[in-house]
Structures are given as structure tokens and as C-alpha cells.
Protein backbone atom coordinates (compact mmCIF):
# COMPACT_ATOMS: atom_id res chain seq x y z
CA MET A 1 19.89 -14.68 -104.73
CA GLN A 2 17.24 -13.43 -107.46
CA ARG A 3 17.55 -15.15 -110.74
CA THR A 4 18.93 -13.33 -113.81
CA THR A 5 15.50 -14.97 -116.49
CA SER A 6 12.27 -15.31 -115.33
CA PHE A 7 11.48 -18.53 -117.07
CA ASP A 8 10.20 -20.41 -113.36
CA GLY A 9 8.68 -17.36 -111.70
CA ARG A 10 5.81 -15.46 -111.70
CA ASP A 11 7.45 -12.97 -114.02
CA SER A 12 6.84 -15.90 -116.80
CA LEU A 13 3.31 -15.83 -116.70
CA SER A 14 3.21 -12.13 -116.58
CA TRP A 15 4.75 -12.02 -119.83
CA LEU A 16 2.49 -14.75 -121.27
CA PHE A 17 -0.63 -12.74 -119.93
CA LEU A 18 0.49 -9.60 -121.92
CA SER A 19 1.33 -11.69 -125.02
CA ARG A 20 -1.45 -13.02 -124.89
CA LEU A 21 -4.00 -10.05 -124.60
CA LEU A 22 -2.06 -7.78 -127.03
CA LEU A 23 -2.75 -10.96 -129.92
CA ILE A 24 -6.25 -10.93 -128.99
CA LEU A 25 -6.45 -7.06 -129.58
CA ILE A 26 -4.56 -6.77 -132.55
CA LEU A 27 -7.24 -9.69 -133.98
CA LEU A 28 -10.32 -7.39 -132.45
CA LEU A 29 -8.89 -4.35 -134.10
CA VAL A 30 -8.14 -6.13 -137.64
CA LEU A 31 -11.82 -7.33 -137.17
CA SER A 32 -12.84 -4.39 -136.44
CA LEU A 33 -11.73 -2.90 -139.76
CA ASP A 34 -13.54 -2.25 -143.10
CA GLU A 35 -13.88 -5.81 -144.46
CA SER A 36 -14.08 -4.66 -148.01
CA ALA A 37 -10.32 -4.57 -147.89
CA SER A 38 -7.94 -6.69 -150.32
CA TRP A 39 -5.95 -7.43 -147.78
CA LEU A 40 -8.24 -8.42 -144.77
CA PRO A 41 -8.73 -12.54 -144.86
CA GLN A 42 -12.71 -13.34 -145.26
CA ILE A 43 -14.31 -14.00 -142.37
CA THR A 44 -17.30 -16.13 -143.55
CA ASP A 45 -19.23 -15.22 -140.12
CA PRO A 46 -17.95 -11.58 -138.66
CA TRP A 47 -20.77 -11.91 -135.70
CA SER A 48 -19.72 -15.21 -134.46
CA THR A 49 -15.92 -14.36 -134.76
CA ARG A 50 -15.81 -11.47 -132.57
CA ARG A 51 -18.51 -13.05 -130.20
CA LEU A 52 -15.53 -15.54 -129.79
CA LEU A 53 -12.83 -13.10 -129.71
CA LEU A 54 -14.65 -10.92 -126.89
CA LEU A 55 -14.84 -14.54 -124.88
CA GLN A 56 -11.13 -15.44 -124.94
CA THR A 57 -10.65 -11.68 -124.00
CA THR A 58 -12.52 -12.33 -120.76
CA LEU A 59 -10.93 -15.64 -120.34
CA ILE A 60 -7.59 -14.04 -120.68
CA LEU A 61 -8.42 -11.16 -118.24
CA LEU A 62 -9.55 -14.08 -115.88
CA SER A 63 -6.14 -15.68 -116.07
CA GLY A 64 -4.74 -12.51 -114.73
CA PHE A 65 -6.44 -12.66 -111.85
CA MET A 66 -5.28 -16.03 -111.23
CA ILE A 67 -1.69 -15.03 -111.41
CA ILE A 68 -2.20 -12.46 -108.89
CA ALA A 69 -3.78 -14.97 -106.75
CA GLY A 70 -0.74 -17.41 -107.38
CA TRP A 71 -3.72 -20.04 -108.17
CA PRO A 72 -3.82 -22.92 -109.58
CA ARG A 73 0.01 -23.54 -110.11
CA ARG A 74 2.31 -21.75 -112.83
CA ASP A 75 2.35 -25.10 -114.86
CA GLN A 76 -1.25 -25.75 -114.50
CA GLN A 77 -2.06 -21.91 -115.77
CA VAL A 78 0.30 -22.27 -118.51
CA GLN A 79 -1.10 -25.56 -119.66
CA LEU A 80 -4.51 -23.90 -119.63
CA ALA A 81 -3.54 -20.80 -121.49
CA VAL A 82 -2.29 -23.04 -124.41
CA TYR A 83 -5.18 -25.62 -123.97
CA LEU A 84 -7.24 -22.25 -124.37
CA ASP A 85 -5.44 -20.88 -127.14
CA ILE A 86 -5.62 -23.70 -129.39
CA THR A 87 -9.08 -24.32 -128.91
CA PHE A 88 -9.73 -20.92 -129.70
CA ALA A 89 -7.24 -20.75 -133.18
CA VAL A 90 -8.87 -23.78 -134.33
CA LEU A 91 -12.67 -22.39 -133.55
CA LEU A 92 -11.08 -19.00 -135.12
CA ILE A 93 -10.02 -20.92 -138.27
CA HIS A 94 -13.13 -22.91 -138.73
CA LEU A 95 -15.16 -19.63 -138.51
CA SER A 96 -12.91 -17.90 -140.98
CA GLY A 97 -13.76 -20.55 -143.48
CA GLY A 98 -10.50 -22.82 -143.44
CA VAL A 99 -6.78 -22.61 -143.57
CA ALA A 100 -6.22 -20.65 -146.21
CA ALA A 101 -8.14 -17.65 -144.78
CA GLY A 102 -4.71 -16.78 -143.15
CA PHE A 103 -5.62 -17.55 -139.43
CA GLY A 104 -3.91 -21.12 -139.94
CA LEU A 105 -0.57 -19.85 -137.91
CA LEU A 106 -2.46 -19.07 -134.83
CA PRO A 107 -1.96 -22.57 -132.98
CA ALA A 108 1.75 -22.40 -133.86
CA VAL A 109 1.76 -19.03 -131.46
CA ALA A 110 -0.05 -21.16 -128.58
CA VAL A 111 2.39 -24.43 -129.32
CA VAL A 112 5.43 -22.08 -129.02
CA TRP A 113 4.21 -20.33 -125.75
CA GLY A 114 4.09 -23.92 -124.42
CA ALA A 115 7.24 -25.21 -125.41
CA ILE A 116 9.22 -22.33 -124.09
CA LEU A 117 7.36 -22.13 -120.73
CA LEU A 118 7.13 -25.65 -119.96
CA GLU A 119 9.90 -28.70 -120.33
CA GLY A 120 9.62 -32.00 -121.21
CA ARG A 121 7.79 -33.61 -123.93
CA GLN A 122 4.78 -31.25 -123.29
CA SER A 123 6.14 -29.00 -125.89
CA LEU A 124 5.14 -32.43 -128.10
CA LEU A 125 1.79 -32.71 -126.92
CA PHE A 126 0.52 -29.13 -127.93
CA ALA A 127 2.08 -29.79 -131.14
CA ALA A 128 -0.17 -32.86 -131.53
CA LEU A 129 -3.21 -31.30 -130.20
CA ALA A 130 -3.44 -28.43 -132.37
CA SER A 131 -2.29 -30.35 -135.95
CA LEU A 132 -5.16 -33.57 -134.65
CA GLY A 133 -7.55 -29.64 -134.69
CA VAL A 134 -6.47 -28.67 -137.89
CA ILE A 135 -6.93 -31.95 -139.15
CA SER A 136 -10.45 -32.57 -137.66
CA GLN A 137 -11.26 -28.96 -138.81
CA GLN A 138 -10.75 -29.73 -141.89
CA LEU A 139 -12.42 -33.24 -142.22
CA TYR A 140 -15.44 -31.71 -140.78
CA ALA A 141 -15.56 -28.89 -143.01
CA ASP A 142 -14.90 -31.33 -146.24
CA LEU A 143 -17.68 -33.37 -145.02
CA TYR A 144 -20.61 -30.37 -144.17
CA GLN A 145 -19.48 -27.50 -145.77
CA GLU A 146 -19.08 -26.51 -149.43
CA THR A 147 -17.52 -23.19 -149.52
CA TYR A 148 -14.65 -24.28 -147.07
CA ARG A 149 -11.23 -23.03 -148.44
CA GLY A 150 -8.53 -25.82 -147.90
CA SER A 151 -6.85 -28.99 -148.63
CA TYR A 152 -5.71 -31.67 -146.53
CA LEU A 153 -2.31 -30.80 -147.80
CA GLU A 154 -2.51 -27.84 -146.17
CA ALA A 155 -3.61 -28.96 -142.68
CA GLY A 156 -1.13 -31.70 -143.40
CA LEU A 157 2.01 -29.16 -143.71
CA LEU A 158 0.71 -26.99 -140.66
CA GLY A 159 0.60 -29.60 -138.10
CA LEU A 160 4.23 -30.56 -139.32
CA LEU A 161 5.09 -27.19 -139.09
CA PHE A 162 3.33 -27.00 -135.78
CA PHE A 163 5.81 -30.27 -134.47
CA SER A 164 9.08 -28.45 -135.88
CA VAL A 165 8.31 -25.42 -134.24
CA ALA A 166 7.30 -27.01 -130.88
CA ALA A 167 10.50 -28.74 -131.39
CA LEU A 168 12.38 -26.28 -132.17
CA ALA A 169 11.07 -23.64 -128.75
CA HIS A 170 12.10 -26.68 -127.13
CA LEU A 171 15.33 -26.61 -127.80
CA LEU A 172 15.96 -22.62 -127.48
CA SER A 173 14.24 -22.66 -124.40
CA GLN A 174 16.51 -25.58 -123.09
CA ARG A 175 19.25 -23.25 -124.01
CA LEU A 176 18.42 -20.71 -122.81
CA ARG A 177 17.93 -21.74 -119.17
CA ALA A 178 21.65 -23.81 -119.49
CA SER A 179 22.47 -19.85 -120.22
CA GLU A 180 20.31 -18.52 -117.27
CA ARG A 181 21.75 -21.45 -114.49
CA LEU A 182 25.59 -20.75 -116.00
CA ALA A 183 24.96 -16.98 -115.41
CA GLU A 184 23.54 -17.51 -111.97
CA ARG A 185 26.52 -19.76 -111.05
CA ARG A 186 28.54 -16.76 -112.48
CA GLN A 187 26.62 -13.98 -110.74
CA LEU A 188 27.31 -16.46 -107.25
CA ASP A 189 30.58 -16.58 -107.43
CA ILE A 190 31.28 -12.66 -108.44
CA ALA A 191 29.05 -11.89 -105.51
CA ASP A 192 31.26 -14.65 -103.25
CA LEU A 193 34.60 -12.90 -104.44
CA SER A 194 33.65 -9.75 -104.09
CA LYS A 195 32.50 -10.00 -100.50
CA LEU A 196 36.14 -11.94 -100.37
CA ASN A 197 37.77 -9.07 -101.55
CA GLU A 198 35.90 -6.41 -99.53
CA LEU A 199 36.65 -8.69 -96.66
CA VAL A 200 40.34 -9.06 -97.52
CA ILE A 201 40.26 -5.28 -97.74
CA GLN A 202 38.62 -4.08 -94.40
CA GLU A 203 41.08 -6.52 -92.71
CA LEU A 204 43.96 -4.66 -94.49
CA ASN A 205 46.42 -2.38 -91.46
CA THR A 206 47.08 -0.21 -94.43
CA GLY A 207 43.94 2.54 -95.50
CA VAL A 208 42.88 1.99 -99.11
CA LEU A 209 41.21 4.28 -100.62
CA VAL A 210 39.24 4.14 -104.18
CA ILE A 211 38.07 7.61 -105.85
CA ASP A 212 36.00 7.83 -109.12
CA GLY A 213 36.87 10.87 -111.84
CA GLU A 214 34.99 13.29 -109.89
CA ARG A 215 36.95 12.71 -106.98
CA ARG A 216 34.41 11.09 -104.74
CA ILE A 217 35.26 8.09 -102.16
CA ARG A 218 33.68 5.19 -103.95
CA LEU A 219 35.49 2.65 -101.28
CA LEU A 220 37.38 2.78 -98.09
CA ASN A 221 38.60 0.30 -95.34
CA ALA A 222 38.10 0.33 -91.93
CA ALA A 223 41.98 1.08 -91.57
CA ALA A 224 41.18 4.45 -94.20
CA GLN A 225 38.72 5.71 -91.91
CA ARG A 226 40.63 5.11 -88.74
CA LEU A 227 43.38 7.55 -90.17
CA LEU A 228 41.11 9.93 -91.72
CA ASN A 229 39.55 10.30 -88.28
CA SER A 230 36.62 12.22 -90.14
CA PRO A 231 32.43 11.95 -89.99
CA GLN A 232 32.30 12.64 -93.23
CA ALA A 233 34.88 10.18 -94.57
CA ARG A 234 32.08 7.48 -95.87
CA ARG A 235 31.02 6.33 -99.51
CA GLY A 236 29.81 8.95 -101.67
CA ALA A 237 30.99 11.45 -99.88
CA GLU A 238 33.49 13.90 -102.01
CA LEU A 239 37.49 13.83 -100.92
CA LYS A 240 37.81 17.79 -100.67
CA VAL A 241 35.08 17.60 -98.09
CA ALA A 242 36.04 14.22 -96.25
CA ALA A 243 40.11 15.04 -95.55
CA PRO A 244 40.90 18.25 -96.98
CA PRO A 245 44.87 17.62 -96.96
CA LEU A 246 44.79 14.36 -98.63
CA PHE A 247 42.85 16.21 -101.59
CA ASP A 248 45.70 18.67 -101.95
CA TRP A 249 48.42 16.25 -101.67
CA LEU A 250 46.55 14.29 -104.81
CA ARG A 251 46.13 17.48 -106.61
CA ARG A 252 49.73 18.06 -106.46
CA SER A 253 51.02 14.32 -107.00
CA LEU A 254 48.79 14.73 -110.14
CA GLY A 255 50.64 18.09 -111.24
CA GLY A 256 53.44 16.12 -110.94
CA GLU A 257 55.48 17.34 -108.01
CA PRO A 258 57.32 15.13 -105.43
CA SER A 259 55.02 13.05 -103.04
CA GLN A 260 55.63 13.64 -99.91
CA GLY A 261 54.04 12.68 -96.00
CA LEU A 262 51.17 14.18 -95.31
CA ARG A 263 50.60 15.20 -91.29
CA LEU A 264 46.45 14.66 -91.00
CA HIS A 265 45.06 14.44 -87.61
CA GLN A 266 48.52 14.59 -85.33
CA ARG A 267 49.35 11.03 -87.99
CA ASP A 268 52.47 11.17 -89.66
CA LEU A 269 51.02 9.82 -92.89
CA ARG A 270 52.58 8.10 -96.36
CA PRO A 271 50.25 8.59 -99.34
CA GLU A 272 50.47 5.58 -102.12
CA LEU A 273 48.82 6.92 -105.23
CA GLN A 274 47.95 4.39 -107.91
CA LEU A 275 46.20 5.31 -111.00
CA LEU A 276 43.34 3.33 -112.68
CA GLY A 277 43.98 4.64 -115.84
CA THR A 278 45.29 7.42 -117.78
CA ASN A 279 41.83 9.27 -118.41
CA ARG A 280 40.38 11.18 -115.49
CA PRO A 281 36.96 9.49 -115.18
CA ASN A 282 38.50 6.47 -114.16
CA GLY A 283 39.56 7.04 -111.08
CA ALA A 284 42.69 6.39 -108.38
CA LEU A 285 43.57 4.02 -105.72
CA ILE A 286 45.20 5.20 -102.40
CA TYR A 287 47.17 3.73 -100.48
CA LEU A 288 47.52 5.05 -96.32
CA HIS A 289 50.47 4.03 -94.55
CA ASP A 290 51.16 5.13 -90.85
CA GLU A 291 54.57 6.25 -90.57
CA GLN A 292 54.17 5.06 -86.61
CA ALA A 293 53.29 1.39 -87.54
CA LEU A 294 56.22 1.14 -90.06
CA LEU A 295 58.16 2.51 -87.66
CA ARG A 296 56.61 -0.04 -84.71
CA GLN A 297 57.11 -2.66 -87.09
CA ALA A 298 61.05 -1.93 -87.55
CA GLN A 299 61.09 -1.74 -83.79
CA GLU A 300 59.34 -4.80 -83.08
CA ALA A 301 62.05 -6.86 -85.52
CA HIS A 302 64.64 -4.63 -83.92
CA LEU A 303 63.38 -5.99 -80.50
CA ALA A 304 63.18 -9.42 -81.68
CA SER A 305 66.81 -9.33 -82.85
CA LEU A 306 67.49 -7.75 -79.20
CA GLY A 307 65.23 -10.46 -77.20
CA ARG A 308 67.68 -13.10 -79.06
CA LEU A 309 70.80 -11.30 -77.94
CA SER A 310 69.57 -10.68 -74.25
CA ALA A 311 69.01 -14.45 -74.19
CA SER A 312 72.94 -14.83 -74.96
CA VAL A 313 73.75 -12.47 -72.65
CA ALA A 314 71.88 -13.68 -69.66
CA HIS A 315 73.18 -16.89 -70.32
CA ASN A 316 76.72 -15.82 -69.78
CA ILE A 317 75.96 -13.48 -66.90
CA ARG A 318 74.58 -16.43 -65.25
CA ASN A 319 77.36 -18.69 -65.17
CA PRO A 320 79.81 -15.86 -63.37
CA LEU A 321 76.64 -14.84 -61.19
CA SER A 322 76.46 -17.88 -59.85
CA ALA A 323 80.21 -18.58 -59.37
CA VAL A 324 80.02 -15.63 -57.10
CA THR A 325 77.23 -16.58 -55.73
CA HIS A 326 78.62 -19.64 -54.15
CA ALA A 327 81.64 -18.16 -53.54
CA SER A 328 79.64 -16.04 -51.11
CA GLN A 329 78.15 -18.58 -49.61
CA LEU A 330 81.68 -20.66 -49.45
CA LEU A 331 82.96 -17.50 -47.68
CA ALA A 332 79.71 -17.45 -44.79
CA GLU A 333 81.09 -21.14 -44.06
CA SER A 334 84.35 -20.42 -43.52
CA ALA A 335 86.26 -19.03 -40.68
CA PRO A 336 84.26 -16.52 -38.17
CA LEU A 337 83.63 -13.34 -39.59
CA ASP A 338 83.13 -10.13 -37.58
CA ALA A 339 80.04 -8.34 -38.02
CA GLU A 340 81.08 -5.59 -40.78
CA ASP A 341 82.15 -8.51 -42.86
CA ARG A 342 79.39 -10.32 -42.53
CA ARG A 343 77.42 -7.18 -43.68
CA LEU A 344 79.57 -6.64 -46.91
CA LEU A 345 78.71 -10.40 -47.59
CA GLU A 346 74.78 -9.87 -47.09
CA ILE A 347 75.16 -7.41 -49.54
CA ILE A 348 77.34 -9.24 -52.06
CA ARG A 349 74.68 -11.99 -52.15
CA ARG A 350 71.67 -10.17 -51.74
CA ASN A 351 72.76 -8.06 -54.84
CA ALA A 352 73.59 -10.86 -56.73
CA GLY A 353 70.17 -12.71 -56.19
CA ARG A 354 68.77 -9.04 -57.73
CA ILE A 355 71.28 -9.36 -60.48
CA ASP A 356 69.64 -12.55 -60.98
CA GLU A 357 65.73 -11.54 -60.90
CA ILE A 358 66.69 -8.55 -63.34
CA VAL A 359 67.85 -10.82 -65.76
CA ASN A 360 64.63 -13.14 -65.57
CA SER A 361 62.81 -9.81 -66.34
CA VAL A 362 64.64 -9.14 -69.20
CA LEU A 363 64.41 -12.70 -70.47
CA GLU A 364 60.71 -12.57 -69.84
CA LEU A 365 60.37 -9.06 -71.14
CA SER A 366 62.01 -10.34 -74.61
CA HIS A 367 60.57 -13.71 -74.78
CA ARG A 368 56.91 -11.96 -73.67
CA HIS A 369 56.18 -14.43 -71.24
CA ARG A 370 53.05 -14.37 -68.82
CA ALA A 371 53.72 -12.45 -65.26
CA GLU A 372 52.89 -15.01 -62.49
CA LEU A 373 50.28 -12.30 -60.41
CA ARG A 374 50.30 -12.85 -56.46
CA GLN A 375 48.36 -10.50 -54.37
CA ILE A 376 50.64 -8.29 -52.60
CA ALA A 377 50.04 -4.94 -50.09
CA LEU A 378 52.13 -2.67 -51.95
CA ASN A 379 52.80 0.16 -49.30
CA ARG A 380 54.70 -2.56 -47.45
CA TRP A 381 56.30 -4.04 -50.31
CA LEU A 382 57.17 -0.49 -51.47
CA GLU A 383 58.57 0.12 -47.89
CA ASP A 384 61.58 -2.48 -48.49
CA THR A 385 62.16 -2.01 -52.00
CA CYS A 386 62.86 1.87 -51.64
CA GLY A 387 65.17 0.92 -48.21
CA GLU A 388 66.93 -1.77 -50.81
CA TYR A 389 67.27 0.83 -53.56
CA ARG A 390 68.92 3.61 -50.83
CA GLU A 391 70.83 1.15 -49.34
CA GLN A 392 72.45 -0.01 -53.00
CA HIS A 393 72.49 3.27 -53.62
CA GLN A 394 73.70 5.05 -50.72
CA LEU A 395 70.75 7.64 -50.76
CA SER A 396 69.43 9.21 -47.48
CA CYS A 397 65.64 9.48 -47.07
CA GLN A 398 65.35 12.80 -48.35
CA GLU A 399 66.75 11.45 -51.44
CA LEU A 400 64.16 8.78 -51.90
CA ALA A 401 61.40 9.61 -49.68
CA ILE A 402 57.86 7.79 -49.05
CA GLU A 403 54.00 8.86 -48.93
CA THR A 404 51.40 6.86 -48.40
CA ILE A 405 47.88 8.66 -48.12
CA GLY A 406 45.67 7.26 -45.70
CA GLU A 407 48.26 5.70 -43.44
CA THR A 408 47.72 6.54 -39.42
CA THR A 409 50.22 6.25 -36.43
CA GLU A 410 46.72 4.80 -34.77
CA ALA A 411 46.68 2.13 -37.42
CA PRO A 412 49.67 1.51 -39.34
CA ASP A 413 48.74 -2.06 -40.93
CA ALA A 414 44.92 -0.60 -41.85
CA PRO A 415 46.18 0.72 -45.29
CA ASP A 416 47.47 -3.20 -45.96
CA ALA A 417 44.02 -4.26 -47.25
CA ILE A 418 43.43 -0.74 -49.21
CA TYR A 419 46.79 -1.27 -51.03
CA ARG A 420 46.34 -5.00 -51.81
CA VAL A 421 46.93 -5.80 -55.38
CA MET A 422 47.74 -8.45 -57.72
CA ALA A 423 50.94 -8.10 -59.52
CA ASP A 424 54.32 -9.84 -60.07
CA PRO A 425 57.07 -8.68 -57.25
CA ARG A 426 59.75 -9.16 -59.88
CA HIS A 427 58.44 -7.09 -62.27
CA LEU A 428 57.39 -4.63 -60.49
CA ARG A 429 60.64 -4.45 -58.74
CA GLN A 430 62.24 -4.14 -62.13
CA ILE A 431 60.09 -0.82 -63.06
CA LEU A 432 60.81 0.76 -59.56
CA ASN A 433 64.19 0.32 -60.33
CA ASN A 434 64.23 1.62 -63.96
CA LEU A 435 62.01 4.90 -62.70
CA CYS A 436 64.27 5.11 -60.31
CA ASP A 437 67.49 5.67 -62.43
CA ASN A 438 65.71 7.42 -64.46
CA ALA A 439 64.84 10.10 -61.74
CA ARG A 440 68.48 10.23 -60.88
CA ALA A 441 70.09 10.47 -64.39
CA HIS A 442 67.15 13.33 -65.55
CA GLY A 443 65.45 14.56 -62.24
CA ARG A 444 68.20 16.41 -60.69
CA ASP A 445 67.25 20.04 -59.62
CA THR A 446 69.20 23.20 -60.48
CA GLN A 447 71.66 22.33 -57.89
CA GLY A 448 72.71 19.06 -58.85
CA ARG A 449 70.81 17.08 -56.33
CA CYS A 450 68.55 14.17 -56.74
CA ARG A 451 64.83 14.37 -54.82
CA MET A 452 62.58 11.67 -55.61
CA ARG A 453 59.18 10.95 -53.77
CA TRP A 454 56.67 7.65 -54.57
CA THR A 455 53.27 8.32 -53.30
CA LEU A 456 50.58 5.89 -53.38
CA ALA A 457 46.87 6.78 -53.13
CA GLN A 458 43.73 5.37 -53.70
CA ASP A 459 41.82 7.11 -56.34
CA ALA A 460 38.13 9.12 -56.12
CA ASP A 461 36.40 6.45 -57.61
CA ALA A 462 38.08 3.75 -55.29
CA LYS A 463 38.46 1.49 -58.62
CA THR A 464 42.18 2.22 -58.96
CA ILE A 465 45.44 2.66 -56.56
CA ARG A 466 47.86 4.69 -57.84
CA LEU A 467 51.62 4.90 -57.34
CA CYS A 468 53.68 7.84 -58.49
CA LEU A 469 57.37 8.95 -58.86
CA CYS A 470 57.87 12.39 -58.84
CA ASP A 471 61.25 14.13 -58.93
CA GLN A 472 62.40 17.84 -59.08
CA GLY A 473 63.97 17.85 -62.49
CA PRO A 474 63.60 19.94 -65.21
CA GLY A 475 60.83 17.71 -66.45
CA VAL A 476 60.30 16.46 -69.91
CA ARG A 477 60.38 18.53 -72.79
CA ALA A 478 56.48 18.79 -74.74
CA ASP A 479 57.94 17.61 -77.72
CA HIS A 480 59.43 14.52 -76.20
CA ARG A 481 56.37 13.46 -74.24
CA GLN A 482 55.26 11.46 -77.02
CA THR A 483 57.90 9.37 -77.55
CA ILE A 484 59.29 8.58 -74.34
CA PHE A 485 58.24 5.53 -73.70
CA GLU A 486 59.13 3.98 -77.08
CA PRO A 487 62.18 1.66 -77.83
CA PHE A 488 65.33 3.42 -77.78
CA PHE A 489 64.62 6.96 -77.65
CA THR A 490 67.35 8.32 -75.05
CA THR A 491 68.72 12.33 -74.62
CA ALA A 492 71.63 10.76 -72.48
CA ALA A 493 74.84 9.88 -74.62
CA SER A 494 75.56 7.04 -72.79
CA GLY A 495 71.71 5.34 -72.31
CA ASN A 496 70.37 2.59 -74.01
CA GLY A 497 66.38 4.28 -74.68
CA LEU A 498 65.01 1.01 -72.76
CA GLY A 499 64.51 1.72 -69.40
CA LEU A 500 61.04 3.46 -69.77
CA TYR A 501 60.07 0.95 -72.60
CA ALA A 502 60.91 -1.87 -70.50
CA ALA A 503 58.82 -0.63 -67.54
CA GLN A 504 55.54 0.18 -69.66
CA ALA A 505 55.99 -3.26 -71.09
CA LEU A 506 56.25 -4.84 -67.62
CA ALA A 507 53.50 -2.80 -66.52
CA GLU A 508 51.07 -3.80 -69.46
CA ALA A 509 52.07 -7.82 -68.46
CA MET A 510 51.19 -7.15 -65.19
CA GLY A 511 47.27 -5.68 -66.05
CA ALA A 512 48.77 -2.13 -65.23
CA ARG A 513 49.57 1.27 -66.60
CA LEU A 514 52.20 3.39 -66.50
CA GLU A 515 51.60 7.25 -67.44
CA TYR A 516 53.58 10.17 -67.42
CA SER A 517 52.12 14.26 -66.09
CA ASP A 518 53.85 17.33 -64.76
CA SER A 519 54.67 17.13 -61.46
CA PRO A 520 52.48 19.83 -59.41
CA GLN A 521 55.65 20.76 -57.51
CA GLY A 522 57.61 20.97 -61.31
CA GLY A 523 59.68 18.20 -62.63
CA SER A 524 58.01 14.73 -63.66
CA CYS A 525 55.57 12.37 -62.85
CA PHE A 526 55.74 8.58 -63.64
CA SER A 527 51.89 7.04 -62.12
CA LEU A 528 51.62 3.34 -62.20
CA ILE A 529 48.14 2.78 -62.04
CA PHE A 530 46.50 -0.72 -60.77
CA ALA A 531 42.87 -1.92 -61.15
CA ARG A 532 41.22 -2.61 -58.00
């Protein structure tokens, strides 16, 4: 941080050098004028006086080179300059014929410079040296010079003036330094506060734009740059060039038209205008709210309450579910049962266990529990799970087919190593059930038949494994593709809109991702992508 004043730096020596040089040049100019002028001091020895001033000028110029070289120290350079100026001033008083000749105040100038630039008692030392020099010169002239103009009273008054000037200059310098230190502290506080404000503004999720009266951008945070999504959106740029739609909205708002939303780069924005003053030069502050972010926040709040509700529902489901499971176990241990009864009993027990797993998955989804990952052979797991789904919903192999690309009849176990992934079997089963349920509800062909096919393949880069479910239905409308994974979005009157959202959330919990695309044969295709 740079200092606000220059009392303690090289600038102070530069100002001292310039002021001393200006003073000596003025004296040389005065002495070069016509000596017959009545307002000029009467110099008894003009030639010696000019040589003295030229010598002082040479020493002042030499001090300039010392300032550039930085040697000696600053305080030593100031002391040396003051001592020399006092000496030359006393000699000039002597050569001019005494204190009454008009040069008696010259030592006061050197005393003032020393008192301002140096702290402590040195200002009194300079005043004492100047007073001693004037009185000594007066004593010498009284003894050896008969034409001397001056008296001891004048010399004494000059000495008193030197001490007074030194005290006042010292007091003034202290006040100036105190003001300097206070200004530095205030400047540091303002700089810290400015950095803090900028950091807070940059971390806001709401876009913040400050424009001046010329409609130029003076400040914008990271959220505003992301929402505007324009390389011209930077400080100093014209708003008309950086974001023309926002400029038009601003013009309409200032014209008194009702504030409306704004669509910019496929984003729905809700700008908010805050004028910084009543006049145009004062500029304005624009807040950019992302409608999708606001919607997500509302959905998160809704899902939080739904999570609490699901926990309560799950607790009430588990009680009768435990009773059903216990009753099935007692029934299996009772009287001998035939094969058909045991098959039905096994269906009851297996589906009761599946219900319990579904309840656990919903609870983990609502509470954002971490998935329990383990390595599974995706091809074998898919066959078993699809077999259970066919049995549960009474589907044939044509209605729910499986195709594993890379599997051969000669080495049926070879794909096990290829299709091994890290996943949570419970989450994965819930995703499969949700996608199959969605295909059975929305993926039927024109004749009302449901044809689903699971395809398991390795991508060309051998870095990802893709598990796809394709149907032969009408597919997803183009205006719905951006919202099918949002919670509570559904096109069915009886749906709750949480199936695809839950599937995507469970996939993200496992480190996978769920995407939608159009099927090459027509219909919808949902791809679950795993990293190798």
C-alpha cells in the first residue's frame, strides 16, 4: 500500500531539493538586477555574495545526485541540507551588511524545512544553531565592522522568531503525520471492505450487474457472466453489445412498461432493476434471477417435506410388511404344501423382500444416503433382475428382451469381466424397475403392445459401459425432453412424476448418469452410463 503523503519517502527529499533550488535561483535573479533600485537590498560585497550563491547552487545540485543514489540515509541528507542552508544564510547576512539588509529571515526557511521533515528535538537544534549564528555574526560585526547595519535586539528577535517557527512547524508536522497515519488506516479499511464486498458479490448465485449512465458495464459477478454467456460481457463493455435483449428490457423498464421475464441463451431470467439515482448519470443496478434455479429451490423444499412424509409412510409400510413376511414363514413351516402352493409362497416372500428394498431406496433417496457400492457383473445381474420383473408382471421374453453385445455361445462367461462395474444393486434394481414401469406406461406401440429391449454394450473408447432400455412407443415430445427428469413432471393423470427423477438421483448417487435419446427404431431410449 502506497503512502498518502510523502513525509517519509524519497518524494520528501525531491520536494526539498526543488524548493532549495528555487529559492537560490530567486536570490541569484534578485542580485543580478540593477543595484540602483530602491527596493533591492544594499549588498556591501556583491561579487563575494554571487560567488557564495553559486557555491550553494553547486552543493544543491550535488544533493540531487545524492537523492538519486540514495546515499546517505534520508535523515542524514535532510540534516546536511539544513546545516548548509543555515551556514550560507548567516554568511549571506554578513556579506549583505547585517540583519537589517533584508536577508535575516533566510535561516528561518531552513529551520522550517528541518522541523517539518524531521521529528523530535532536532527542530529546536536547528533553531538554536540559526540563533547562535545570527548572534555570533552580530558580535563579530560589532567588534570589527564599523558600517554594520543591525543591533543585538534585532538579532535576539530573529532568534526568538527561529524558535517560534521551529515549534510551530514541528507541531504542524506532527498533526500532518497523524492525519497521514489516519488516512492510511482508513484507506486500508476501505480497501479491505471493498475486497470483502467484491468477494461477497462474486459468491452470490444471483447475477449482479452495475451499469453507468452511458449504459456501460461497471461491475458484474461470476453468476452474471454465466447467465449472460457472452464473451463481450466484461467491465467497460456496452450493455447493448454484451446483452442486447437485456438492453431492450432495460429501455422498456425505464420507459415505464411493465417488467417482464427475459429469455436469454435458452434460459428464463427474471431481471430486477434498482436505480442508483434519479438522474441518468447515476446508473443502475440489475439483478438477474435464474427462473430454473428458483424452481429447483422450490422443488428442493417440496422434496424435503416429501422426504419427511416418505419416512413416516415407510415406517407404516414396514409394520404390515413384517407381518406378511412372518406369516409367510409360519405358513411355510406348517402343514405340508404342494409345489404350486410353495411357488406362490415363494412369490410372496420374494416380493415382500423387494418391497422392503424399495422402501429402503426411497428412504435413502429422501435422506441422500451414500450408496453402498460393490462390484457386480452387470450382464448376469441384468438377466436375473429382468427374469424377476417378467415373472412379477407376467411378461414374455419378447415383451422384455435382453441383448448383450460381446457375448458369444462359445465363451458365455467372457463378458463377466468386461461388464463388471461398481454399483449398488438395490439402487440399480430400483432404476430398472422405474424405467421398465415408465416404458410399460408410455412406450406402447400403435396396437397397444409393449416391446422393451435392454441392451448392454461397451463404448468404443472402452472407458464406459452403457445399459440402454429402448421401447417402440411414440417417444418423448421435443418440448418435454428438458423436463422429463424434473420431479413431479408427468403426462399421465395418475402419475406422481417421481419415477424418472428418482432413477436419475439414484444413478448420480452411484457415480453413473442417466440420459435420454431417441431410439433408432423409433420410440424412447434411456441410457445408464457407468465409468470403467
